[in-house]
Amino acid sequence: MKVLVIGHLTGKDIRPHLEAEGRRVAELRAEGLVREVFLKADRTGPILLLNDIGAEEARHRLASLPFVEHELVTFDYIELNDTSPA
């Protein structure tokens, strides 16, 4: 299963945590959890596509992001089923 994660910035200043956030996202990509990362066109938050995980585990794993730890972003978690033929 994949999870689409839609982020909503809370309006607090993210600049002091940008570098640490980038490092942690890179680590999660290297681990194979994060497949894709996007920024909404209106710059109000990130969009992540996660591999092989459910929404609850995704919530737990993404809690290590500095933006989450400092309450700079909230996330909606949407589980996706693969519809491609077997």
PDB file of N, CA and C in Angstrom:
ATOM      1  N   MET A   1       0.838  -1.165   0.000  1.00  0.00           N
ATOM      2  CA  MET A   1       0.000   0.000   0.000  1.00  0.00           C
ATOM      3  C   MET A   1       0.891   1.240   0.000  1.00  0.00           C
ATOM      4  N   LYS A   2       0.394   2.270  -0.627  1.00  0.00           N
ATOM      5  CA  LYS A   2       1.067   3.560  -0.623  1.00  0.00           C
ATOM      6  C   LYS A   2       0.216   4.536   0.184  1.00  0.00           C
ATOM      7  N   VAL A   3       0.835   5.592   0.666  1.00  0.00           N
ATOM      8  CA  VAL A   3       0.111   6.631   1.394  1.00  0.00           C
ATOM      9  C   VAL A   3       0.455   7.979   0.783  1.00  0.00           C
ATOM     10  N   LEU A   4      -0.586   8.732   0.449  1.00  0.00           N
ATOM     11  CA  LEU A   4      -0.434  10.107  -0.002  1.00  0.00           C
ATOM     12  C   LEU A   4      -0.550  10.984   1.238  1.00  0.00           C
ATOM     13  N   VAL A   5       0.451  11.813   1.467  1.00  0.00           N
ATOM     14  CA  VAL A   5       0.486  12.665   2.647  1.00  0.00           C
ATOM     15  C   VAL A   5       0.415  14.117   2.180  1.00  0.00           C
ATOM     16  N   ILE A   6      -0.620  14.810   2.616  1.00  0.00           N
ATOM     17  CA  ILE A   6      -0.818  16.200   2.217  1.00  0.00           C
ATOM     18  C   ILE A   6      -0.546  17.085   3.425  1.00  0.00           C
ATOM     19  N   GLY A   7       0.451  17.952   3.281  1.00  0.00           N
ATOM     20  CA  GLY A   7       0.867  18.809   4.379  1.00  0.00           C
ATOM     21  C   GLY A   7       0.245  20.185   4.314  1.00  0.00           C
ATOM     22  N   HIS A   8       0.039  20.757   5.488  1.00  0.00           N
ATOM     23  CA  HIS A   8      -0.520  22.103   5.632  1.00  0.00           C
ATOM     24  C   HIS A   8       0.377  22.862   6.610  1.00  0.00           C
ATOM     25  N   LEU A   9       1.100  23.859   6.097  1.00  0.00           N
ATOM     26  CA  LEU A   9       1.945  24.666   6.976  1.00  0.00           C
ATOM     27  C   LEU A   9       1.066  25.455   7.948  1.00  0.00           C
ATOM     28  N   THR A  10       1.515  25.573   9.188  1.00  0.00           N
ATOM     29  CA  THR A  10       0.717  26.215  10.228  1.00  0.00           C
ATOM     30  C   THR A  10       0.881  27.726  10.273  1.00  0.00           C
ATOM     31  N   GLY A  11       1.817  28.259   9.509  1.00  0.00           N
ATOM     32  CA  GLY A  11       2.033  29.706   9.490  1.00  0.00           C
ATOM     33  C   GLY A  11       3.197  30.162  10.349  1.00  0.00           C
ATOM     34  N   LYS A  12       3.755  29.241  11.124  1.00  0.00           N
ATOM     35  CA  LYS A  12       4.933  29.575  11.924  1.00  0.00           C
ATOM     36  C   LYS A  12       6.156  29.629  11.012  1.00  0.00           C
ATOM     37  N   ASP A  13       7.206  30.283  11.455  1.00  0.00           N
ATOM     38  CA  ASP A  13       8.431  30.454  10.672  1.00  0.00           C
ATOM     39  C   ASP A  13       9.170  29.116  10.533  1.00  0.00           C
ATOM     40  N   ILE A  14       9.267  28.617   9.307  1.00  0.00           N
ATOM     41  CA  ILE A  14       9.933  27.327   9.055  1.00  0.00           C
ATOM     42  C   ILE A  14      11.428  27.477   8.805  1.00  0.00           C
ATOM     43  N   ARG A  15      11.878  28.694   8.533  1.00  0.00           N
ATOM     44  CA  ARG A  15      13.277  28.901   8.119  1.00  0.00           C
ATOM     45  C   ARG A  15      14.315  28.310   9.064  1.00  0.00           C
ATOM     46  N   PRO A  16      14.156  28.415  10.388  1.00  0.00           N
ATOM     47  CA  PRO A  16      15.192  27.848  11.262  1.00  0.00           C
ATOM     48  C   PRO A  16      15.311  26.322  11.174  1.00  0.00           C
ATOM     49  N   HIS A  17      14.317  25.667  10.591  1.00  0.00           N
ATOM     50  CA  HIS A  17      14.286  24.206  10.570  1.00  0.00           C
ATOM     51  C   HIS A  17      14.388  23.612   9.161  1.00  0.00           C
ATOM     52  N   LEU A  18      14.542  24.472   8.151  1.00  0.00           N
ATOM     53  CA  LEU A  18      14.587  23.983   6.759  1.00  0.00           C
ATOM     54  C   LEU A  18      15.714  22.985   6.514  1.00  0.00           C
ATOM     55  N   GLU A  19      16.894  23.293   6.977  1.00  0.00           N
ATOM     56  CA  GLU A  19      18.041  22.419   6.728  1.00  0.00           C
ATOM     57  C   GLU A  19      17.849  21.051   7.392  1.00  0.00           C
ATOM     58  N   ALA A  20      17.424  21.050   8.647  1.00  0.00           N
ATOM     59  CA  ALA A  20      17.203  19.787   9.358  1.00  0.00           C
ATOM     60  C   ALA A  20      16.069  18.985   8.717  1.00  0.00           C
ATOM     61  N   GLU A  21      15.036  19.680   8.261  1.00  0.00           N
ATOM     62  CA  GLU A  21      13.916  19.003   7.588  1.00  0.00           C
ATOM     63  C   GLU A  21      14.411  18.331   6.310  1.00  0.00           C
ATOM     64  N   GLY A  22      15.206  19.046   5.531  1.00  0.00           N
ATOM     65  CA  GLY A  22      15.750  18.477   4.294  1.00  0.00           C
ATOM     66  C   GLY A  22      16.599  17.248   4.550  1.00  0.00           C
ATOM     67  N   ARG A  23      17.419  17.300   5.592  1.00  0.00           N
ATOM     68  CA  ARG A  23      18.248  16.132   5.940  1.00  0.00           C
ATOM     69  C   ARG A  23      17.381  14.930   6.324  1.00  0.00           C
ATOM     70  N   ARG A  24      16.353  15.178   7.132  1.00  0.00           N
ATOM     71  CA  ARG A  24      15.520  14.055   7.587  1.00  0.00           C
ATOM     72  C   ARG A  24      14.709  13.472   6.436  1.00  0.00           C
ATOM     73  N   VAL A  25      14.206  14.306   5.553  1.00  0.00           N
ATOM     74  CA  VAL A  25      13.481  13.802   4.379  1.00  0.00           C
ATOM     75  C   VAL A  25      14.427  12.974   3.515  1.00  0.00           C
ATOM     76  N   ALA A  26      15.667  13.424   3.339  1.00  0.00           N
ATOM     77  CA  ALA A  26      16.658  12.663   2.562  1.00  0.00           C
ATOM     78  C   ALA A  26      16.912  11.299   3.202  1.00  0.00           C
ATOM     79  N   GLU A  27      16.985  11.262   4.522  1.00  0.00           N
ATOM     80  CA  GLU A  27      17.173   9.977   5.219  1.00  0.00           C
ATOM     81  C   GLU A  27      15.992   9.043   4.971  1.00  0.00           C
ATOM     82  N   LEU A  28      14.777   9.581   5.040  1.00  0.00           N
ATOM     83  CA  LEU A  28      13.592   8.755   4.807  1.00  0.00           C
ATOM     84  C   LEU A  28      13.504   8.291   3.360  1.00  0.00           C
ATOM     85  N   ARG A  29      14.009   9.100   2.441  1.00  0.00           N
ATOM     86  CA  ARG A  29      14.083   8.669   1.030  1.00  0.00           C
ATOM     87  C   ARG A  29      15.092   7.534   0.883  1.00  0.00           C
ATOM     88  N   ALA A  30      16.246   7.675   1.523  1.00  0.00           N
ATOM     89  CA  ALA A  30      17.290   6.645   1.444  1.00  0.00           C
ATOM     90  C   ALA A  30      16.809   5.325   2.039  1.00  0.00           C
ATOM     91  N   GLU A  31      15.960   5.398   3.063  1.00  0.00           N
ATOM     92  CA  GLU A  31      15.393   4.194   3.679  1.00  0.00           C
ATOM     93  C   GLU A  31      14.315   3.557   2.798  1.00  0.00           C
ATOM     94  N   GLY A  32      13.866   4.266   1.771  1.00  0.00           N
ATOM     95  CA  GLY A  32      12.841   3.742   0.877  1.00  0.00           C
ATOM     96  C   GLY A  32      11.422   4.087   1.283  1.00  0.00           C
ATOM     97  N   LEU A  33      11.250   4.828   2.369  1.00  0.00           N
ATOM     98  CA  LEU A  33       9.901   5.195   2.804  1.00  0.00           C
ATOM     99  C   LEU A  33       9.298   6.252   1.884  1.00  0.00           C
ATOM    100  N   VAL A  34      10.013   7.333   1.657  1.00  0.00           N
ATOM    101  CA  VAL A  34       9.513   8.439   0.838  1.00  0.00           C
ATOM    102  C   VAL A  34       9.868   8.176  -0.617  1.00  0.00           C
ATOM    103  N   ARG A  35       8.835   8.079  -1.427  1.00  0.00           N
ATOM    104  CA  ARG A  35       9.040   7.839  -2.863  1.00  0.00           C
ATOM    105  C   ARG A  35       9.128   9.154  -3.645  1.00  0.00           C
ATOM    106  N   GLU A  36       8.231  10.075  -3.347  1.00  0.00           N
ATOM    107  CA  GLU A  36       8.184  11.356  -4.058  1.00  0.00           C
ATOM    108  C   GLU A  36       7.923  12.473  -3.057  1.00  0.00           C
ATOM    109  N   VAL A  37       8.456  13.659  -3.357  1.00  0.00           N
ATOM    110  CA  VAL A  37       8.212  14.853  -2.553  1.00  0.00           C
ATOM    111  C   VAL A  37       7.869  15.990  -3.504  1.00  0.00           C
ATOM    112  N   PHE A  38       6.800  16.692  -3.186  1.00  0.00           N
ATOM    113  CA  PHE A  38       6.363  17.837  -3.980  1.00  0.00           C
ATOM    114  C   PHE A  38       6.069  18.990  -3.029  1.00  0.00           C
ATOM    115  N   LEU A  39       6.031  20.188  -3.570  1.00  0.00           N
ATOM    116  CA  LEU A  39       5.575  21.354  -2.835  1.00  0.00           C
ATOM    117  C   LEU A  39       4.339  21.863  -3.561  1.00  0.00           C
ATOM    118  N   LYS A  40       3.264  22.102  -2.828  1.00  0.00           N
ATOM    119  CA  LYS A  40       2.052  22.627  -3.453  1.00  0.00           C
ATOM    120  C   LYS A  40       2.389  23.919  -4.194  1.00  0.00           C
ATOM    121  N   ALA A  41       1.743  24.146  -5.320  1.00  0.00           N
ATOM    122  CA  ALA A  41       2.013  25.329  -6.134  1.00  0.00           C
ATOM    123  C   ALA A  41       1.800  26.621  -5.352  1.00  0.00           C
ATOM    124  N   ASP A  42       0.860  26.603  -4.404  1.00  0.00           N
ATOM    125  CA  ASP A  42       0.616  27.810  -3.611  1.00  0.00           C
ATOM    126  C   ASP A  42       1.551  27.905  -2.399  1.00  0.00           C
ATOM    127  N   ARG A  43       2.464  26.953  -2.291  1.00  0.00           N
ATOM    128  CA  ARG A  43       3.523  26.920  -1.267  1.00  0.00           C
ATOM    129  C   ARG A  43       2.962  26.824   0.163  1.00  0.00           C
ATOM    130  N   THR A  44       1.802  26.194   0.313  1.00  0.00           N
ATOM    131  CA  THR A  44       1.186  26.067   1.635  1.00  0.00           C
ATOM    132  C   THR A  44       1.513  24.741   2.310  1.00  0.00           C
ATOM    133  N   GLY A  45       2.357  23.933   1.678  1.00  0.00           N
ATOM    134  CA  GLY A  45       2.747  22.688   2.322  1.00  0.00           C
ATOM    135  C   GLY A  45       3.270  21.668   1.340  1.00  0.00           C
ATOM    136  N   PRO A  46       3.883  20.621   1.881  1.00  0.00           N
ATOM    137  CA  PRO A  46       4.437  19.556   1.046  1.00  0.00           C
ATOM    138  C   PRO A  46       3.405  18.472   0.753  1.00  0.00           C
ATOM    139  N   ILE A  47       3.690  17.722  -0.280  1.00  0.00           N
ATOM    140  CA  ILE A  47       2.952  16.508  -0.625  1.00  0.00           C
ATOM    141  C   ILE A  47       3.990  15.396  -0.693  1.00  0.00           C
ATOM    142  N   LEU A  48       3.743  14.295  -0.001  1.00  0.00           N
ATOM    143  CA  LEU A  48       4.656  13.157  -0.002  1.00  0.00           C
ATOM    144  C   LEU A  48       3.905  11.924  -0.487  1.00  0.00           C
ATOM    145  N   LEU A  49       4.584  11.084  -1.223  1.00  0.00           N
ATOM    146  CA  LEU A  49       4.062   9.771  -1.570  1.00  0.00           C
ATOM    147  C   LEU A  49       4.974   8.761  -0.900  1.00  0.00           C
ATOM    148  N   LEU A  50       4.383   7.931  -0.037  1.00  0.00           N
ATOM    149  CA  LEU A  50       5.147   6.967   0.748  1.00  0.00           C
ATOM    150  C   LEU A  50       4.934   5.561   0.224  1.00  0.00           C
ATOM    151  N   ASN A  51       5.965   4.731   0.319  1.00  0.00           N
ATOM    152  CA  ASN A  51       5.948   3.347  -0.153  1.00  0.00           C
ATOM    153  C   ASN A  51       5.629   2.373   0.960  1.00  0.00           C
ATOM    154  N   ASP A  52       4.880   1.321   0.627  1.00  0.00           N
ATOM    155  CA  ASP A  52       4.751   0.119   1.455  1.00  0.00           C
ATOM    156  C   ASP A  52       4.513   0.391   2.929  1.00  0.00           C
ATOM    157  N   ILE A  53       3.460   1.145   3.217  1.00  0.00           N
ATOM    158  CA  ILE A  53       3.174   1.529   4.597  1.00  0.00           C
ATOM    159  C   ILE A  53       1.697   1.889   4.696  1.00  0.00           C
ATOM    160  N   GLY A  54       1.122   1.755   5.874  1.00  0.00           N
ATOM    161  CA  GLY A  54      -0.236   2.209   6.136  1.00  0.00           C
ATOM    162  C   GLY A  54      -0.221   3.590   6.767  1.00  0.00           C
ATOM    163  N   ALA A  55      -1.391   4.190   6.886  1.00  0.00           N
ATOM    164  CA  ALA A  55      -1.490   5.561   7.389  1.00  0.00           C
ATOM    165  C   ALA A  55      -0.993   5.688   8.830  1.00  0.00           C
ATOM    166  N   GLU A  56      -1.322   4.740   9.694  1.00  0.00           N
ATOM    167  CA  GLU A  56      -0.900   4.854  11.093  1.00  0.00           C
ATOM    168  C   GLU A  56       0.615   4.766  11.240  1.00  0.00           C
ATOM    169  N   GLU A  57       1.224   3.827  10.531  1.00  0.00           N
ATOM    170  CA  GLU A  57       2.683   3.711  10.576  1.00  0.00           C
ATOM    171  C   GLU A  57       3.330   4.945   9.944  1.00  0.00           C
ATOM    172  N   ALA A  58       2.728   5.471   8.881  1.00  0.00           N
ATOM    173  CA  ALA A  58       3.242   6.694   8.252  1.00  0.00           C
ATOM    174  C   ALA A  58       3.225   7.848   9.249  1.00  0.00           C
ATOM    175  N   ARG A  59       2.135   7.979   9.997  1.00  0.00           N
ATOM    176  CA  ARG A  59       2.024   9.040  11.003  1.00  0.00           C
ATOM    177  C   ARG A  59       3.148   8.902  12.035  1.00  0.00           C
ATOM    178  N   HIS A  60       3.388   7.685  12.453  1.00  0.00           N
ATOM    179  CA  HIS A  60       4.446   7.417  13.433  1.00  0.00           C
ATOM    180  C   HIS A  60       5.824   7.761  12.866  1.00  0.00           C
ATOM    181  N   ARG A  61       6.094   7.336  11.638  1.00  0.00           N
ATOM    182  CA  ARG A  61       7.416   7.555  11.041  1.00  0.00           C
ATOM    183  C   ARG A  61       7.673   9.032  10.749  1.00  0.00           C
ATOM    184  N   LEU A  62       6.656   9.747  10.290  1.00  0.00           N
ATOM    185  CA  LEU A  62       6.848  11.158   9.945  1.00  0.00           C
ATOM    186  C   LEU A  62       6.889  12.062  11.174  1.00  0.00           C
ATOM    187  N   ALA A  63       6.567  11.523  12.332  1.00  0.00           N
ATOM    188  CA  ALA A  63       6.663  12.312  13.564  1.00  0.00           C
ATOM    189  C   ALA A  63       8.097  12.749  13.840  1.00  0.00           C
ATOM    190  N   SER A  64       9.072  12.098  13.195  1.00  0.00           N
ATOM    191  CA  SER A  64      10.487  12.451  13.384  1.00  0.00           C
ATOM    192  C   SER A  64      10.919  13.655  12.547  1.00  0.00           C
ATOM    193  N   LEU A  65      10.035  14.157  11.702  1.00  0.00           N
ATOM    194  CA  LEU A  65      10.386  15.330  10.902  1.00  0.00           C
ATOM    195  C   LEU A  65      10.428  16.580  11.793  1.00  0.00           C
ATOM    196  N   PRO A  66      11.445  17.403  11.639  1.00  0.00           N
ATOM    197  CA  PRO A  66      11.519  18.629  12.442  1.00  0.00           C
ATOM    198  C   PRO A  66      10.279  19.512  12.315  1.00  0.00           C
ATOM    199  N   PHE A  67       9.681  19.594  11.120  1.00  0.00           N
ATOM    200  CA  PHE A  67       8.483  20.418  10.958  1.00  0.00           C
ATOM    201  C   PHE A  67       7.332  19.881  11.806  1.00  0.00           C
ATOM    202  N   VAL A  68       7.254  18.575  11.968  1.00  0.00           N
ATOM    203  CA  VAL A  68       6.215  17.972  12.812  1.00  0.00           C
ATOM    204  C   VAL A  68       6.553  18.202  14.280  1.00  0.00           C
ATOM    205  N   GLU A  69       7.796  17.933  14.642  1.00  0.00           N
ATOM    206  CA  GLU A  69       8.228  18.115  16.032  1.00  0.00           C
ATOM    207  C   GLU A  69       7.995  19.532  16.537  1.00  0.00           C
ATOM    208  N   HIS A  70       8.150  20.516  15.661  1.00  0.00           N
ATOM    209  CA  HIS A  70       8.009  21.923  16.051  1.00  0.00           C
ATOM    210  C   HIS A  70       6.639  22.500  15.675  1.00  0.00           C
ATOM    211  N   GLU A  71       5.714  21.613  15.314  1.00  0.00           N
ATOM    212  CA  GLU A  71       4.338  21.992  14.980  1.00  0.00           C
ATOM    213  C   GLU A  71       4.266  23.053  13.885  1.00  0.00           C
ATOM    214  N   LEU A  72       5.081  22.858  12.856  1.00  0.00           N
ATOM    215  CA  LEU A  72       5.110  23.767  11.718  1.00  0.00           C
ATOM    216  C   LEU A  72       4.245  23.270  10.568  1.00  0.00           C
ATOM    217  N   VAL A  73       3.847  21.993  10.628  1.00  0.00           N
ATOM    218  CA  VAL A  73       3.045  21.393   9.579  1.00  0.00           C
ATOM    219  C   VAL A  73       2.112  20.359  10.202  1.00  0.00           C
ATOM    220  N   THR A  74       0.932  20.223   9.602  1.00  0.00           N
ATOM    221  CA  THR A  74       0.032  19.117   9.923  1.00  0.00           C
ATOM    222  C   THR A  74      -0.153  18.313   8.642  1.00  0.00           C
ATOM    223  N   PHE A  75      -0.475  17.040   8.784  1.00  0.00           N
ATOM    224  CA  PHE A  75      -0.602  16.172   7.620  1.00  0.00           C
ATOM    225  C   PHE A  75      -1.950  15.478   7.590  1.00  0.00           C
ATOM    226  N   ASP A  76      -2.468  15.296   6.386  1.00  0.00           N
ATOM    227  CA  ASP A  76      -3.581  14.392   6.111  1.00  0.00           C
ATOM    228  C   ASP A  76      -2.959  13.158   5.475  1.00  0.00           C
ATOM    229  N   TYR A  77      -3.411  11.977   5.889  1.00  0.00           N
ATOM    230  CA  TYR A  77      -2.870  10.708   5.399  1.00  0.00           C
ATOM    231  C   TYR A  77      -3.966   9.977   4.636  1.00  0.00           C
ATOM    232  N   ILE A  78      -3.695   9.666   3.372  1.00  0.00           N
ATOM    233  CA  ILE A  78      -4.664   8.990   2.523  1.00  0.00           C
ATOM    234  C   ILE A  78      -4.042   7.700   2.002  1.00  0.00           C
ATOM    235  N   GLU A  79      -4.615   6.567   2.398  1.00  0.00           N
ATOM    236  CA  GLU A  79      -4.116   5.274   1.932  1.00  0.00           C
ATOM    237  C   GLU A  79      -4.589   5.050   0.498  1.00  0.00           C
ATOM    238  N   LEU A  80      -3.681   4.539  -0.334  1.00  0.00           N
ATOM    239  CA  LEU A  80      -3.961   4.287  -1.743  1.00  0.00           C
ATOM    240  C   LEU A  80      -3.791   2.817  -2.046  1.00  0.00           C
ATOM    241  N   ASN A  81      -4.711   2.260  -2.813  1.00  0.00           N
ATOM    242  CA  ASN A  81      -4.576   0.888  -3.284  1.00  0.00           C
ATOM    243  C   ASN A  81      -3.990   0.908  -4.692  1.00  0.00           C
ATOM    244  N   ASP A  82      -3.168  -0.068  -4.983  1.00  0.00           N
ATOM    245  CA  ASP A  82      -2.607  -0.217  -6.314  1.00  0.00           C
ATOM    246  C   ASP A  82      -3.668  -0.815  -7.220  1.00  0.00           C
ATOM    247  N   THR A  83      -3.990  -0.135  -8.309  1.00  0.00           N
ATOM    248  CA  THR A  83      -5.035  -0.624  -9.213  1.00  0.00           C
ATOM    249  C   THR A  83      -4.464  -1.254 -10.477  1.00  0.00           C
ATOM    250  N   SER A  84      -3.148  -1.368 -10.550  1.00  0.00           N
ATOM    251  CA  SER A  84      -2.564  -1.962 -11.756  1.00  0.00           C
ATOM    252  C   SER A  84      -2.850  -3.463 -11.755  1.00  0.00           C
ATOM    253  N   PRO A  85      -2.989  -4.065 -12.941  1.00  0.00           N
ATOM    254  CA  PRO A  85      -3.264  -5.498 -13.023  1.00  0.00           C
ATOM    255  C   PRO A  85      -2.129  -6.319 -12.426  1.00  0.00           C
ATOM    256  N   ALA A  86      -2.501  -7.425 -11.834  1.00  0.00           N
ATOM    257  CA  ALA A  86      -1.492  -8.307 -11.193  1.00  0.00           C
ATOM    258  C   ALA A  86      -0.618  -8.997 -12.183  1.00  0.00           C
TER     259      ALA A  86
END
